[in-house]
Amino acid sequence: MGALCELVSRTILETGLFEQGAVRVRAFRAEVYAIADRLPENGFIDMNFRIGKGRSAAEKKSAGEAIFAAVSEHLATLFATPHFALSLEIREIDAELSWKKNAIHPRLRGK
């Protein structure tokens, strides 16, 4: 999972649409879940990409396609089995209902 998180972070930054100080990639393991026909060998990764407003629909689509392609390639061996699912959803954050304080931005911006 660590390598996957690093890949997603790199891919996000390579789009050129997001500031380095704003990128946070994390993974949470679900200990309890049910998927499809509930076979124990089934697995999935559900990716949620939350972004601030300010990017066009084409930019959001391009970023999503880049992330999904990179992760799909990284997980190719899992797709070789009939037991794996991957999803990605991009959600725009409502700035009026989101509070953030970030001391990393000024450092990375050199201010």
N, C-alpha and C. Protein backbone atom coordinates (compact mmCIF):
# COMPACT_ATOMS: atom_id res chain seq x y z
N MET A 1 0.83 -1.20 0.00
CA MET A 1 0.00 0.00 0.00
C MET A 1 0.86 1.26 0.00
N GLY A 2 2.01 1.18 0.65
CA GLY A 2 2.90 2.34 0.67
C GLY A 2 3.35 2.72 -0.74
N ALA A 3 3.72 1.72 -1.53
CA ALA A 3 4.15 1.98 -2.91
C ALA A 3 2.99 2.53 -3.74
N LEU A 4 1.80 2.03 -3.50
CA LEU A 4 0.64 2.52 -4.23
C LEU A 4 0.35 3.98 -3.87
N CYS A 5 0.45 4.32 -2.59
CA CYS A 5 0.23 5.71 -2.16
C CYS A 5 1.27 6.63 -2.79
N GLU A 6 2.52 6.19 -2.84
CA GLU A 6 3.58 6.99 -3.48
C GLU A 6 3.28 7.20 -4.97
N LEU A 7 2.83 6.15 -5.63
CA LEU A 7 2.49 6.24 -7.05
C LEU A 7 1.36 7.23 -7.28
N VAL A 8 0.32 7.16 -6.47
CA VAL A 8 -0.80 8.07 -6.63
C VAL A 8 -0.36 9.51 -6.39
N SER A 9 0.45 9.73 -5.38
CA SER A 9 0.95 11.07 -5.09
C SER A 9 1.76 11.62 -6.27
N ARG A 10 2.68 10.82 -6.77
CA ARG A 10 3.49 11.23 -7.94
C ARG A 10 2.61 11.55 -9.14
N THR A 11 1.65 10.70 -9.39
CA THR A 11 0.77 10.87 -10.54
C THR A 11 -0.06 12.15 -10.42
N ILE A 12 -0.56 12.43 -9.24
CA ILE A 12 -1.32 13.66 -9.00
C ILE A 12 -0.45 14.87 -9.31
N LEU A 13 0.78 14.87 -8.79
CA LEU A 13 1.68 16.00 -9.01
C LEU A 13 2.08 16.14 -10.48
N GLU A 14 2.24 15.02 -11.16
CA GLU A 14 2.63 15.05 -12.58
C GLU A 14 1.56 15.67 -13.47
N THR A 15 0.32 15.74 -13.00
CA THR A 15 -0.73 16.38 -13.80
C THR A 15 -0.48 17.89 -13.91
N GLY A 16 0.25 18.45 -12.94
CA GLY A 16 0.50 19.89 -12.91
C GLY A 16 -0.69 20.70 -12.44
N LEU A 17 -1.72 20.05 -11.96
CA LEU A 17 -2.95 20.74 -11.55
C LEU A 17 -3.06 20.98 -10.05
N PHE A 18 -2.13 20.40 -9.28
CA PHE A 18 -2.24 20.46 -7.83
C PHE A 18 -0.91 20.85 -7.21
N GLU A 19 -0.97 21.64 -6.14
CA GLU A 19 0.23 22.04 -5.43
C GLU A 19 0.74 20.89 -4.57
N GLN A 20 2.04 20.78 -4.48
CA GLN A 20 2.64 19.71 -3.71
C GLN A 20 2.16 19.71 -2.26
N GLY A 21 2.05 20.87 -1.65
CA GLY A 21 1.65 20.96 -0.26
C GLY A 21 0.21 20.57 0.01
N ALA A 22 -0.57 20.46 -1.04
CA ALA A 22 -1.98 20.12 -0.88
C ALA A 22 -2.26 18.63 -1.05
N VAL A 23 -1.29 17.90 -1.55
CA VAL A 23 -1.53 16.49 -1.86
C VAL A 23 -1.35 15.63 -0.62
N ARG A 24 -2.38 14.87 -0.31
CA ARG A 24 -2.36 13.91 0.79
C ARG A 24 -2.96 12.60 0.29
N VAL A 25 -2.20 11.56 0.38
CA VAL A 25 -2.68 10.25 -0.06
C VAL A 25 -2.61 9.32 1.14
N ARG A 26 -3.70 8.66 1.41
CA ARG A 26 -3.74 7.73 2.54
C ARG A 26 -4.57 6.51 2.17
N ALA A 27 -4.32 5.43 2.88
CA ALA A 27 -5.04 4.18 2.64
C ALA A 27 -5.60 3.67 3.97
N PHE A 28 -6.80 3.20 3.92
CA PHE A 28 -7.45 2.60 5.09
C PHE A 28 -7.90 1.20 4.73
N ARG A 29 -7.55 0.26 5.55
CA ARG A 29 -7.97 -1.12 5.34
C ARG A 29 -9.34 -1.32 5.97
N ALA A 30 -10.23 -1.93 5.23
CA ALA A 30 -11.55 -2.27 5.76
C ALA A 30 -11.49 -3.71 6.27
N GLU A 31 -11.60 -3.86 7.55
CA GLU A 31 -11.54 -5.21 8.14
C GLU A 31 -12.81 -6.00 7.88
N VAL A 32 -13.92 -5.31 7.74
CA VAL A 32 -15.20 -5.97 7.51
C VAL A 32 -15.83 -5.38 6.26
N TYR A 33 -16.19 -6.22 5.32
CA TYR A 33 -16.84 -5.77 4.09
C TYR A 33 -17.50 -6.96 3.40
N ALA A 34 -18.37 -6.67 2.46
CA ALA A 34 -18.95 -7.69 1.60
C ALA A 34 -18.86 -7.16 0.17
N ILE A 35 -18.37 -7.97 -0.73
CA ILE A 35 -18.24 -7.56 -2.12
C ILE A 35 -18.74 -8.68 -3.03
N ALA A 36 -19.55 -8.29 -3.99
CA ALA A 36 -20.05 -9.19 -5.04
C ALA A 36 -20.63 -10.47 -4.45
N ASP A 37 -20.05 -11.61 -4.85
CA ASP A 37 -20.58 -12.90 -4.39
C ASP A 37 -19.97 -13.36 -3.06
N ARG A 38 -19.29 -12.46 -2.39
CA ARG A 38 -18.75 -12.65 -1.05
C ARG A 38 -17.72 -13.77 -0.94
N LEU A 39 -17.03 -14.08 -2.04
CA LEU A 39 -15.94 -15.05 -1.96
C LEU A 39 -14.79 -14.43 -1.17
N PRO A 40 -14.12 -15.19 -0.34
CA PRO A 40 -13.05 -14.63 0.49
C PRO A 40 -11.88 -14.09 -0.31
N GLU A 41 -11.68 -14.56 -1.53
CA GLU A 41 -10.57 -14.06 -2.34
C GLU A 41 -10.89 -12.75 -3.06
N ASN A 42 -12.13 -12.29 -3.00
CA ASN A 42 -12.51 -11.01 -3.60
C ASN A 42 -11.82 -9.86 -2.86
N GLY A 43 -11.47 -8.85 -3.61
CA GLY A 43 -10.89 -7.66 -3.00
C GLY A 43 -11.21 -6.44 -3.84
N PHE A 44 -11.01 -5.27 -3.28
CA PHE A 44 -11.28 -4.05 -4.02
C PHE A 44 -10.50 -2.89 -3.43
N ILE A 45 -10.33 -1.89 -4.23
CA ILE A 45 -9.81 -0.60 -3.78
C ILE A 45 -10.78 0.45 -4.27
N ASP A 46 -11.27 1.24 -3.35
CA ASP A 46 -12.21 2.32 -3.64
C ASP A 46 -11.47 3.63 -3.40
N MET A 47 -11.13 4.34 -4.47
CA MET A 47 -10.37 5.58 -4.34
C MET A 47 -11.33 6.78 -4.41
N ASN A 48 -11.14 7.69 -3.47
CA ASN A 48 -11.89 8.94 -3.45
C ASN A 48 -10.88 10.07 -3.52
N PHE A 49 -11.03 10.92 -4.53
CA PHE A 49 -10.10 12.02 -4.74
C PHE A 49 -10.87 13.31 -4.52
N ARG A 50 -10.62 13.95 -3.37
CA ARG A 50 -11.30 15.20 -3.03
C ARG A 50 -10.42 16.35 -3.45
N ILE A 51 -10.99 17.28 -4.22
CA ILE A 51 -10.22 18.41 -4.73
C ILE A 51 -10.99 19.71 -4.50
N GLY A 52 -10.24 20.80 -4.42
CA GLY A 52 -10.87 22.11 -4.34
C GLY A 52 -11.37 22.54 -5.71
N LYS A 53 -12.26 23.52 -5.69
CA LYS A 53 -12.80 24.04 -6.94
C LYS A 53 -11.72 24.79 -7.71
N GLY A 54 -11.98 25.01 -8.99
CA GLY A 54 -11.06 25.80 -9.79
C GLY A 54 -10.48 25.08 -10.99
N ARG A 55 -10.86 23.84 -11.19
CA ARG A 55 -10.37 23.11 -12.36
C ARG A 55 -11.52 22.81 -13.31
N SER A 56 -11.23 22.85 -14.58
CA SER A 56 -12.27 22.59 -15.57
C SER A 56 -12.65 21.11 -15.57
N ALA A 57 -13.77 20.82 -16.19
CA ALA A 57 -14.21 19.42 -16.29
C ALA A 57 -13.16 18.60 -17.04
N ALA A 58 -12.57 19.17 -18.07
CA ALA A 58 -11.54 18.46 -18.84
C ALA A 58 -10.31 18.18 -17.98
N GLU A 59 -9.92 19.14 -17.14
CA GLU A 59 -8.77 18.94 -16.26
C GLU A 59 -9.05 17.86 -15.22
N LYS A 60 -10.24 17.88 -14.66
CA LYS A 60 -10.61 16.85 -13.67
C LYS A 60 -10.63 15.48 -14.32
N LYS A 61 -11.19 15.40 -15.52
CA LYS A 61 -11.25 14.13 -16.23
C LYS A 61 -9.85 13.62 -16.56
N SER A 62 -8.98 14.52 -17.01
CA SER A 62 -7.61 14.15 -17.35
C SER A 62 -6.86 13.64 -16.12
N ALA A 63 -7.02 14.32 -14.98
CA ALA A 63 -6.37 13.89 -13.74
C ALA A 63 -6.90 12.51 -13.32
N GLY A 64 -8.21 12.33 -13.38
CA GLY A 64 -8.80 11.05 -13.02
C GLY A 64 -8.31 9.93 -13.91
N GLU A 65 -8.24 10.18 -15.20
CA GLU A 65 -7.77 9.16 -16.13
C GLU A 65 -6.31 8.80 -15.86
N ALA A 66 -5.49 9.80 -15.55
CA ALA A 66 -4.07 9.54 -15.26
C ALA A 66 -3.91 8.69 -14.01
N ILE A 67 -4.64 9.04 -12.97
CA ILE A 67 -4.56 8.29 -11.71
C ILE A 67 -5.06 6.87 -11.90
N PHE A 68 -6.22 6.74 -12.55
CA PHE A 68 -6.82 5.42 -12.74
C PHE A 68 -5.91 4.53 -13.59
N ALA A 69 -5.31 5.08 -14.64
CA ALA A 69 -4.42 4.30 -15.50
C ALA A 69 -3.17 3.85 -14.74
N ALA A 70 -2.57 4.76 -13.96
CA ALA A 70 -1.36 4.41 -13.20
C ALA A 70 -1.65 3.32 -12.19
N VAL A 71 -2.76 3.44 -11.47
CA VAL A 71 -3.10 2.45 -10.45
C VAL A 71 -3.48 1.12 -11.12
N SER A 72 -4.21 1.18 -12.21
CA SER A 72 -4.58 -0.05 -12.93
C SER A 72 -3.34 -0.81 -13.39
N GLU A 73 -2.37 -0.08 -13.91
CA GLU A 73 -1.13 -0.72 -14.36
C GLU A 73 -0.37 -1.32 -13.17
N HIS A 74 -0.30 -0.57 -12.08
CA HIS A 74 0.40 -1.04 -10.88
C HIS A 74 -0.24 -2.32 -10.32
N LEU A 75 -1.53 -2.45 -10.47
CA LEU A 75 -2.26 -3.59 -9.91
C LEU A 75 -2.62 -4.64 -10.97
N ALA A 76 -1.90 -4.65 -12.06
CA ALA A 76 -2.21 -5.54 -13.19
C ALA A 76 -2.33 -7.00 -12.76
N THR A 77 -1.49 -7.44 -11.84
CA THR A 77 -1.57 -8.85 -11.42
C THR A 77 -2.89 -9.17 -10.74
N LEU A 78 -3.46 -8.19 -10.03
CA LEU A 78 -4.76 -8.43 -9.40
C LEU A 78 -5.87 -8.52 -10.44
N PHE A 79 -5.74 -7.75 -11.53
CA PHE A 79 -6.75 -7.81 -12.57
C PHE A 79 -6.66 -9.10 -13.39
N ALA A 80 -5.55 -9.81 -13.25
CA ALA A 80 -5.41 -11.10 -13.93
C ALA A 80 -6.25 -12.18 -13.25
N THR A 81 -6.76 -11.88 -12.07
CA THR A 81 -7.66 -12.80 -11.37
C THR A 81 -9.10 -12.30 -11.55
N PRO A 82 -10.07 -13.17 -11.34
CA PRO A 82 -11.47 -12.73 -11.44
C PRO A 82 -12.04 -12.27 -10.10
N HIS A 83 -11.18 -11.67 -9.26
CA HIS A 83 -11.62 -11.35 -7.90
C HIS A 83 -11.27 -9.94 -7.44
N PHE A 84 -11.06 -9.01 -8.36
CA PHE A 84 -10.62 -7.68 -7.94
C PHE A 84 -11.41 -6.59 -8.64
N ALA A 85 -11.70 -5.52 -7.89
CA ALA A 85 -12.41 -4.36 -8.44
C ALA A 85 -11.70 -3.09 -8.00
N LEU A 86 -11.70 -2.10 -8.87
CA LEU A 86 -11.08 -0.80 -8.60
C LEU A 86 -12.05 0.29 -9.00
N SER A 87 -12.16 1.32 -8.16
CA SER A 87 -13.02 2.45 -8.50
C SER A 87 -12.33 3.74 -8.08
N LEU A 88 -12.68 4.82 -8.77
CA LEU A 88 -12.17 6.15 -8.46
C LEU A 88 -13.30 7.15 -8.66
N GLU A 89 -13.48 8.01 -7.68
CA GLU A 89 -14.47 9.08 -7.78
C GLU A 89 -13.79 10.38 -7.39
N ILE A 90 -14.00 11.42 -8.19
CA ILE A 90 -13.49 12.74 -7.87
C ILE A 90 -14.63 13.57 -7.32
N ARG A 91 -14.39 14.19 -6.17
CA ARG A 91 -15.39 15.03 -5.52
C ARG A 91 -14.80 16.42 -5.29
N GLU A 92 -15.57 17.44 -5.64
CA GLU A 92 -15.15 18.81 -5.37
C GLU A 92 -15.58 19.22 -3.97
N ILE A 93 -14.67 19.81 -3.25
CA ILE A 93 -14.93 20.25 -1.88
C ILE A 93 -15.59 21.63 -1.93
N ASP A 94 -16.64 21.81 -1.16
CA ASP A 94 -17.29 23.11 -1.03
C ASP A 94 -16.43 23.95 -0.09
N ALA A 95 -15.76 24.98 -0.62
CA ALA A 95 -14.83 25.79 0.17
C ALA A 95 -15.50 26.45 1.37
N GLU A 96 -16.77 26.77 1.26
CA GLU A 96 -17.47 27.42 2.37
C GLU A 96 -17.70 26.47 3.54
N LEU A 97 -17.60 25.18 3.28
CA LEU A 97 -17.85 24.19 4.32
C LEU A 97 -16.62 23.34 4.60
N SER A 98 -15.44 23.91 4.33
CA SER A 98 -14.20 23.18 4.54
C SER A 98 -13.18 24.12 5.18
N TRP A 99 -12.62 23.70 6.30
CA TRP A 99 -11.65 24.52 7.01
C TRP A 99 -10.31 23.81 6.97
N LYS A 100 -9.26 24.58 6.65
CA LYS A 100 -7.92 24.01 6.57
C LYS A 100 -6.92 25.01 7.12
N LYS A 101 -5.88 24.49 7.71
CA LYS A 101 -4.75 25.30 8.15
C LYS A 101 -3.51 24.51 7.76
N ASN A 102 -2.64 25.09 6.95
CA ASN A 102 -1.55 24.33 6.36
C ASN A 102 -0.24 25.10 6.47
N ALA A 103 0.65 24.66 7.32
CA ALA A 103 1.96 25.29 7.45
C ALA A 103 2.95 24.74 6.42
N ILE A 104 2.56 23.74 5.67
CA ILE A 104 3.44 23.14 4.66
C ILE A 104 3.50 24.02 3.41
N HIS A 105 2.37 24.59 3.01
CA HIS A 105 2.34 25.44 1.80
C HIS A 105 3.42 26.51 1.82
N PRO A 106 3.49 27.36 2.85
CA PRO A 106 4.50 28.42 2.84
C PRO A 106 5.93 27.89 2.70
N ARG A 107 6.23 26.78 3.33
CA ARG A 107 7.56 26.21 3.23
C ARG A 107 7.86 25.78 1.81
N LEU A 108 6.93 25.08 1.17
CA LEU A 108 7.14 24.60 -0.18
C LEU A 108 7.12 25.72 -1.22
N ARG A 109 6.40 26.77 -0.92
CA ARG A 109 6.36 27.92 -1.82
C ARG A 109 7.56 28.84 -1.63
N GLY A 110 8.38 28.55 -0.60
CA GLY A 110 9.55 29.35 -0.34
C GLY A 110 9.27 30.68 0.32
N LYS A 111 8.15 30.76 1.05
CA LYS A 111 7.77 32.02 1.70
C LYS A 111 7.95 31.94 3.19
